[in-house]
C-alpha atoms as a PDB file:
ATOM      1  CA  MET A   1      -1.276  29.567 -35.910  1.00  0.00           C
ATOM      2  CA  ARG A   2       1.312  27.622 -33.898  1.00  0.00           C
ATOM      3  CA  ARG A   3       4.674  26.594 -35.144  1.00  0.00           C
ATOM      4  CA  ARG A   4       4.501  23.454 -37.506  1.00  0.00           C
ATOM      5  CA  GLU A   5       0.774  23.520 -37.549  1.00  0.00           C
ATOM      6  CA  LEU A   6      -0.719  22.492 -40.874  1.00  0.00           C
ATOM      7  CA  PRO A   7      -3.838  24.059 -42.007  1.00  0.00           C
ATOM      8  CA  GLY A   8      -6.779  21.986 -41.289  1.00  0.00           C
ATOM      9  CA  GLY A   9      -4.662  19.428 -39.269  1.00  0.00           C
ATOM     10  CA  ILE A  10      -4.483  18.332 -35.605  1.00  0.00           C
ATOM     11  CA  PRO A  11      -2.459  21.026 -33.821  1.00  0.00           C
ATOM     12  CA  PRO A  12       0.676  19.614 -32.381  1.00  0.00           C
ATOM     13  CA  PRO A  13       1.102  19.486 -28.446  1.00  0.00           C
ATOM     14  CA  THR A  14       2.111  22.621 -26.859  1.00  0.00           C
ATOM     15  CA  LYS A  15       5.319  22.902 -24.913  1.00  0.00           C
ATOM     16  CA  THR A  16       3.518  22.806 -21.676  1.00  0.00           C
ATOM     17  CA  GLU A  17       1.765  19.795 -22.625  1.00  0.00           C
ATOM     18  CA  LEU A  18       4.949  17.984 -23.597  1.00  0.00           C
ATOM     19  CA  LYS A  19       6.307  18.958 -20.249  1.00  0.00           C
ATOM     20  CA  ARG A  20       3.189  17.555 -18.353  1.00  0.00           C
ATOM     21  CA  ARG A  21       3.597  14.282 -20.221  1.00  0.00           C
ATOM     22  CA  ALA A  22       7.240  14.051 -19.403  1.00  0.00           C
ATOM     23  CA  GLN A  23       6.630  14.849 -15.734  1.00  0.00           C
ATOM     24  CA  ALA A  24       3.993  12.185 -15.525  1.00  0.00           C
ATOM     25  CA  VAL A  25       6.111   9.601 -17.064  1.00  0.00           C
ATOM     26  CA  GLN A  26       8.938  10.674 -14.620  1.00  0.00           C
ATOM     27  CA  ASP A  27       6.552  10.369 -11.575  1.00  0.00           C
ATOM     28  CA  LEU A  28       5.449   6.833 -12.807  1.00  0.00           C
ATOM     29  CA  ALA A  29       9.241   5.810 -13.078  1.00  0.00           C
ATOM     30  CA  ASP A  30       9.775   7.173  -9.454  1.00  0.00           C
ATOM     31  CA  ARG A  31       6.838   5.008  -8.227  1.00  0.00           C
ATOM     32  CA  LEU A  32       8.276   2.053  -9.984  1.00  0.00           C
ATOM     33  CA  ILE A  33      11.732   2.597  -8.325  1.00  0.00           C
ATOM     34  CA  ASP A  34       9.922   2.947  -5.001  1.00  0.00           C
ATOM     35  CA  ALA A  35       7.577  -0.028  -5.545  1.00  0.00           C
ATOM     36  CA  PRO A  36       8.371  -3.384  -3.597  1.00  0.00           C
ATOM     37  CA  ALA A  37      10.760  -5.372  -5.453  1.00  0.00           C
ATOM     38  CA  GLU A  38       8.504  -8.375  -5.479  1.00  0.00           C
ATOM     39  CA  ALA A  39       6.068  -6.412  -7.554  1.00  0.00           C
ATOM     40  CA  ILE A  40       8.262  -5.569 -10.501  1.00  0.00           C
ATOM     41  CA  PRO A  41       8.395  -9.059 -12.167  1.00  0.00           C
ATOM     42  CA  ASP A  42       4.639  -9.324 -12.090  1.00  0.00           C
ATOM     43  CA  LEU A  43       4.286  -6.162 -14.150  1.00  0.00           C
ATOM     44  CA  GLY A  44       5.824  -7.790 -17.451  1.00  0.00           C
ATOM     45  CA  LEU A  45       8.331  -5.037 -17.916  1.00  0.00           C
ATOM     46  CA  PRO A  46      10.960  -5.286 -20.734  1.00  0.00           C
ATOM     47  CA  GLU A  47      14.298  -6.666 -19.284  1.00  0.00           C
ATOM     48  CA  LYS A  48      16.357  -3.547 -19.917  1.00  0.00           C
ATOM     49  CA  LEU A  49      13.692  -1.586 -17.921  1.00  0.00           C
ATOM     50  CA  ALA A  50      13.633  -3.991 -15.071  1.00  0.00           C
ATOM     51  CA  ASP A  51      17.492  -4.056 -14.972  1.00  0.00           C
ATOM     52  CA  ALA A  52      17.554  -0.244 -14.919  1.00  0.00           C
ATOM     53  CA  ILE A  53      14.975  -0.171 -11.990  1.00  0.00           C
ATOM     54  CA  ALA A  54      17.042  -2.670  -9.983  1.00  0.00           C
ATOM     55  CA  LEU A  55      20.207  -0.697 -10.520  1.00  0.00           C
ATOM     56  CA  ALA A  56      18.502   2.459  -9.357  1.00  0.00           C
ATOM     57  CA  ARG A  57      17.429   0.824  -6.064  1.00  0.00           C
ATOM     58  CA  ARG A  58      21.076  -0.018  -5.440  1.00  0.00           C
ATOM     59  CA  ILE A  59      22.486   3.382  -6.193  1.00  0.00           C
ATOM     60  CA  THR A  60      23.252   5.494  -3.161  1.00  0.00           C
ATOM     61  CA  SER A  61      24.914   8.551  -4.848  1.00  0.00           C
ATOM     62  CA  ARG A  62      22.304  11.430  -5.218  1.00  0.00           C
ATOM     63  CA  GLY A  63      23.547  12.686  -8.682  1.00  0.00           C
ATOM     64  CA  ALA A  64      23.822   9.178 -10.079  1.00  0.00           C
ATOM     65  CA  LEU A  65      20.310   8.197  -8.717  1.00  0.00           C
ATOM     66  CA  VAL A  66      18.839  11.416 -10.502  1.00  0.00           C
ATOM     67  CA  ARG A  67      20.503  10.308 -13.717  1.00  0.00           C
ATOM     68  CA  GLN A  68      19.215   6.675 -13.399  1.00  0.00           C
ATOM     69  CA  ARG A  69      15.735   7.962 -12.674  1.00  0.00           C
ATOM     70  CA  GLN A  70      15.862   9.945 -15.862  1.00  0.00           C
ATOM     71  CA  PHE A  71      17.150   6.901 -17.615  1.00  0.00           C
ATOM     72  CA  VAL A  72      14.223   4.796 -16.307  1.00  0.00           C
ATOM     73  CA  ALA A  73      11.755   7.413 -17.486  1.00  0.00           C
ATOM     74  CA  LYS A  74      13.431   7.475 -20.880  1.00  0.00           C
ATOM     75  CA  LEU A  75      12.913   3.761 -21.297  1.00  0.00           C
ATOM     76  CA  MET A  76       9.456   3.902 -20.134  1.00  0.00           C
ATOM     77  CA  ARG A  77       8.518   6.484 -22.933  1.00  0.00           C
ATOM     78  CA  GLY A  78       8.694   3.478 -25.174  1.00  0.00           C
ATOM     79  CA  ILE A  79       6.029   1.384 -23.516  1.00  0.00           C
ATOM     80  CA  ASP A  80       2.412   1.834 -22.652  1.00  0.00           C
ATOM     81  CA  PRO A  81       2.263   3.306 -19.019  1.00  0.00           C
ATOM     82  CA  GLU A  82      -1.333   2.516 -18.259  1.00  0.00           C
ATOM     83  CA  PRO A  83      -1.117  -1.223 -17.181  1.00  0.00           C
ATOM     84  CA  ILE A  84       1.896  -0.235 -15.039  1.00  0.00           C
ATOM     85  CA  ARG A  85       0.020   2.551 -13.430  1.00  0.00           C
ATOM     86  CA  ALA A  86      -3.164   0.423 -13.060  1.00  0.00           C
ATOM     87  CA  ALA A  87      -1.161  -2.351 -11.318  1.00  0.00           C
ATOM     88  CA  LEU A  88       0.726   0.096  -8.996  1.00  0.00           C
ATOM     89  CA  ASP A  89      -2.552   1.695  -8.013  1.00  0.00           C
ATOM     90  CA  ALA A  90      -4.080  -1.630  -7.304  1.00  0.00           C
ATOM     91  CA  ALA A  91      -1.115  -2.605  -5.206  1.00  0.00           C
ATOM     92  CA  ALA A  92      -1.437   0.619  -3.280  1.00  0.00           C
ATOM     93  CA  SER A  93      -5.146   0.218  -2.868  1.00  0.00           C
ATOM     94  CA  ALA A  94      -4.562  -3.176  -1.490  1.00  0.00           C
ATOM     95  CA  ALA A  95      -2.086  -1.840   0.932  1.00  0.00           C
ATOM     96  CA  ARG A  96      -4.347   0.906   2.116  1.00  0.00           C
ATOM     97  CA  GLN A  97      -7.080  -1.640   2.755  1.00  0.00           C
ATOM     98  CA  ASP A  98      -4.847  -3.916   4.867  1.00  0.00           C
ATOM     99  CA  ALA A  99      -3.745  -0.892   6.904  1.00  0.00           C
ATOM    100  CA  ALA A 100      -7.452   0.034   7.437  1.00  0.00           C
ATOM    101  CA  ARG A 101      -8.303  -3.506   8.481  1.00  0.00           C
ATOM    102  CA  PHE A 102      -5.348  -3.538  10.848  1.00  0.00           C
ATOM    103  CA  ARG A 103      -6.295  -0.197  12.516  1.00  0.00           C
ATOM    104  CA  ARG A 104      -9.865  -1.367  12.948  1.00  0.00           C
ATOM    105  CA  ALA A 105      -8.681  -4.622  14.710  1.00  0.00           C
ATOM    106  CA  GLU A 106      -6.480  -2.421  16.908  1.00  0.00           C
ATOM    107  CA  ARG A 107      -9.360  -0.067  17.830  1.00  0.00           C
ATOM    108  CA  TRP A 108     -11.647  -3.082  18.595  1.00  0.00           C
ATOM    109  CA  ARG A 109      -8.785  -4.677  20.832  1.00  0.00           C
ATOM    110  CA  ASP A 110      -8.316  -1.411  22.689  1.00  0.00           C
ATOM    111  CA  ARG A 111     -12.065  -0.925  23.066  1.00  0.00           C
ATOM    112  CA  LEU A 112     -12.568  -4.510  24.322  1.00  0.00           C
ATOM    113  CA  VAL A 113      -9.866  -4.160  27.043  1.00  0.00           C
ATOM    114  CA  GLU A 114     -11.101  -0.770  28.132  1.00  0.00           C
ATOM    115  CA  GLY A 115     -14.885  -1.346  27.839  1.00  0.00           C
ATOM    116  CA  GLY A 116     -15.461  -4.695  29.460  1.00  0.00           C
ATOM    117  CA  ASN A 117     -18.619  -6.807  29.026  1.00  0.00           C
ATOM    118  CA  LEU A 118     -20.625  -4.026  27.210  1.00  0.00           C
ATOM    119  CA  ALA A 119     -17.819  -3.933  24.510  1.00  0.00           C
ATOM    120  CA  ILE A 120     -17.680  -7.563  24.349  1.00  0.00           C
ATOM    121  CA  ALA A 121     -21.380  -7.982  23.647  1.00  0.00           C
ATOM    122  CA  GLU A 122     -21.047  -5.273  20.960  1.00  0.00           C
ATOM    123  CA  PHE A 123     -18.133  -7.038  19.313  1.00  0.00           C
ATOM    124  CA  ALA A 124     -19.916 -10.401  19.339  1.00  0.00           C
ATOM    125  CA  ALA A 125     -22.995  -8.891  18.029  1.00  0.00           C
ATOM    126  CA  GLU A 126     -21.183  -7.190  15.150  1.00  0.00           C
ATOM    127  CA  CYS A 127     -19.031 -10.132  14.191  1.00  0.00           C
ATOM    128  CA  GLY A 128     -21.510 -12.844  14.897  1.00  0.00           C
ATOM    129  CA  LEU A 129     -19.114 -14.455  17.396  1.00  0.00           C
ATOM    130  CA  ALA A 130     -20.490 -17.619  19.049  1.00  0.00           C
ATOM    131  CA  ASP A 131     -17.608 -18.286  21.489  1.00  0.00           C
ATOM    132  CA  ARG A 132     -17.936 -15.133  23.832  1.00  0.00           C
ATOM    133  CA  GLN A 133     -16.209 -17.152  26.760  1.00  0.00           C
ATOM    134  CA  GLU A 134     -12.923 -17.458  24.819  1.00  0.00           C
ATOM    135  CA  LEU A 135     -13.036 -13.801  24.070  1.00  0.00           C
ATOM    136  CA  GLU A 136     -13.780 -12.844  27.749  1.00  0.00           C
ATOM    137  CA  ARG A 137     -10.885 -14.871  28.777  1.00  0.00           C
ATOM    138  CA  LEU A 138      -8.531 -13.305  26.426  1.00  0.00           C
ATOM    139  CA  VAL A 139      -9.849  -9.765  27.254  1.00  0.00           C
ATOM    140  CA  GLY A 140      -9.243 -10.564  31.047  1.00  0.00           C
ATOM    141  CA  ALA A 141      -5.637 -11.926  30.294  1.00  0.00           C
ATOM    142  CA  ALA A 142      -4.935  -8.838  28.181  1.00  0.00           C
ATOM    143  CA  LEU A 143      -6.293  -6.416  30.950  1.00  0.00           C
ATOM    144  CA  ALA A 144      -4.289  -8.129  33.599  1.00  0.00           C
ATOM    145  CA  GLU A 145      -1.155  -7.942  31.239  1.00  0.00           C
ATOM    146  CA  ARG A 146      -1.740  -4.234  31.037  1.00  0.00           C
ATOM    147  CA  LYS A 147      -2.079  -3.725  34.753  1.00  0.00           C
ATOM    148  CA  SER A 148       1.033  -5.546  35.611  1.00  0.00           C
ATOM    149  CA  GLY A 149       3.001  -3.974  32.937  1.00  0.00           C
ATOM    150  CA  LYS A 150       4.687  -7.229  31.833  1.00  0.00           C
ATOM    151  CA  ALA A 151       4.133  -8.295  28.225  1.00  0.00           C
ATOM    152  CA  ALA A 152       3.084 -11.993  28.222  1.00  0.00           C
ATOM    153  CA  GLY A 153       1.522 -12.035  24.764  1.00  0.00           C
ATOM    154  CA  ALA A 154      -2.055 -12.020  25.814  1.00  0.00           C
ATOM    155  CA  GLY A 155      -2.732  -8.610  23.985  1.00  0.00           C
ATOM    156  CA  ARG A 156      -1.242 -10.051  20.890  1.00  0.00           C
ATOM    157  CA  LYS A 157      -3.559 -13.126  21.142  1.00  0.00           C
ATOM    158  CA  LEU A 158      -6.482 -10.964  21.619  1.00  0.00           C
ATOM    159  CA  PHE A 159      -5.492  -8.926  18.647  1.00  0.00           C
ATOM    160  CA  ARG A 160      -5.123 -11.851  16.428  1.00  0.00           C
ATOM    161  CA  ARG A 161      -8.561 -13.235  17.619  1.00  0.00           C
ATOM    162  CA  VAL A 162     -10.214  -9.811  16.919  1.00  0.00           C
ATOM    163  CA  ARG A 163      -8.496  -9.627  13.611  1.00  0.00           C
ATOM    164  CA  ASP A 164      -9.534 -13.087  12.544  1.00  0.00           C
ATOM    165  CA  ALA A 165     -13.101 -12.519  13.721  1.00  0.00           C
ATOM    166  CA  LEU A 166     -13.408  -9.272  11.820  1.00  0.00           C
ATOM    167  CA  ALA A 167     -11.986 -11.059   8.645  1.00  0.00           C
ATOM    168  CA  GLY A 168     -14.688 -13.712   9.236  1.00  0.00           C
ATOM    169  CA  ASP A 169     -12.041 -16.585   9.332  1.00  0.00           C
ATOM    170  CA  ARG A 170     -13.611 -18.220  12.444  1.00  0.00           C
END
């Protein structure tokens, strides 16, 4: 029988379980401090907690930052962490999706410049692009820009066009 356990009752959490819970709250507090500043007001945090997070972002001293992080975690013990965790996870997921879309557009841009007409045909078929002539013109300009070594913006224009086509904007 563990300490303070009543016969027939629910056993109290072990010391290890208490430490795990405290570490989970501390990790969430660290994520809140590292989250973008514009995401904090949308979470509906208590004013004292939001102020503590804002202060933690301004602190440059290592020791003071450790104390402030612990204070933020202490304040978080009084609120339900699940909505905060869900909101931070959703924001991280959206950021990952944006990064994946960006990388896909970059790969297509590079493939279009290196692959020529075959790559243009594949891209037009995949995206349902009706205006192949504009795409061919942009690819030709980006290719000429790469060969000359001077940046004239053709690669960026091609990238924007590819990104928009992949997103289905046009």
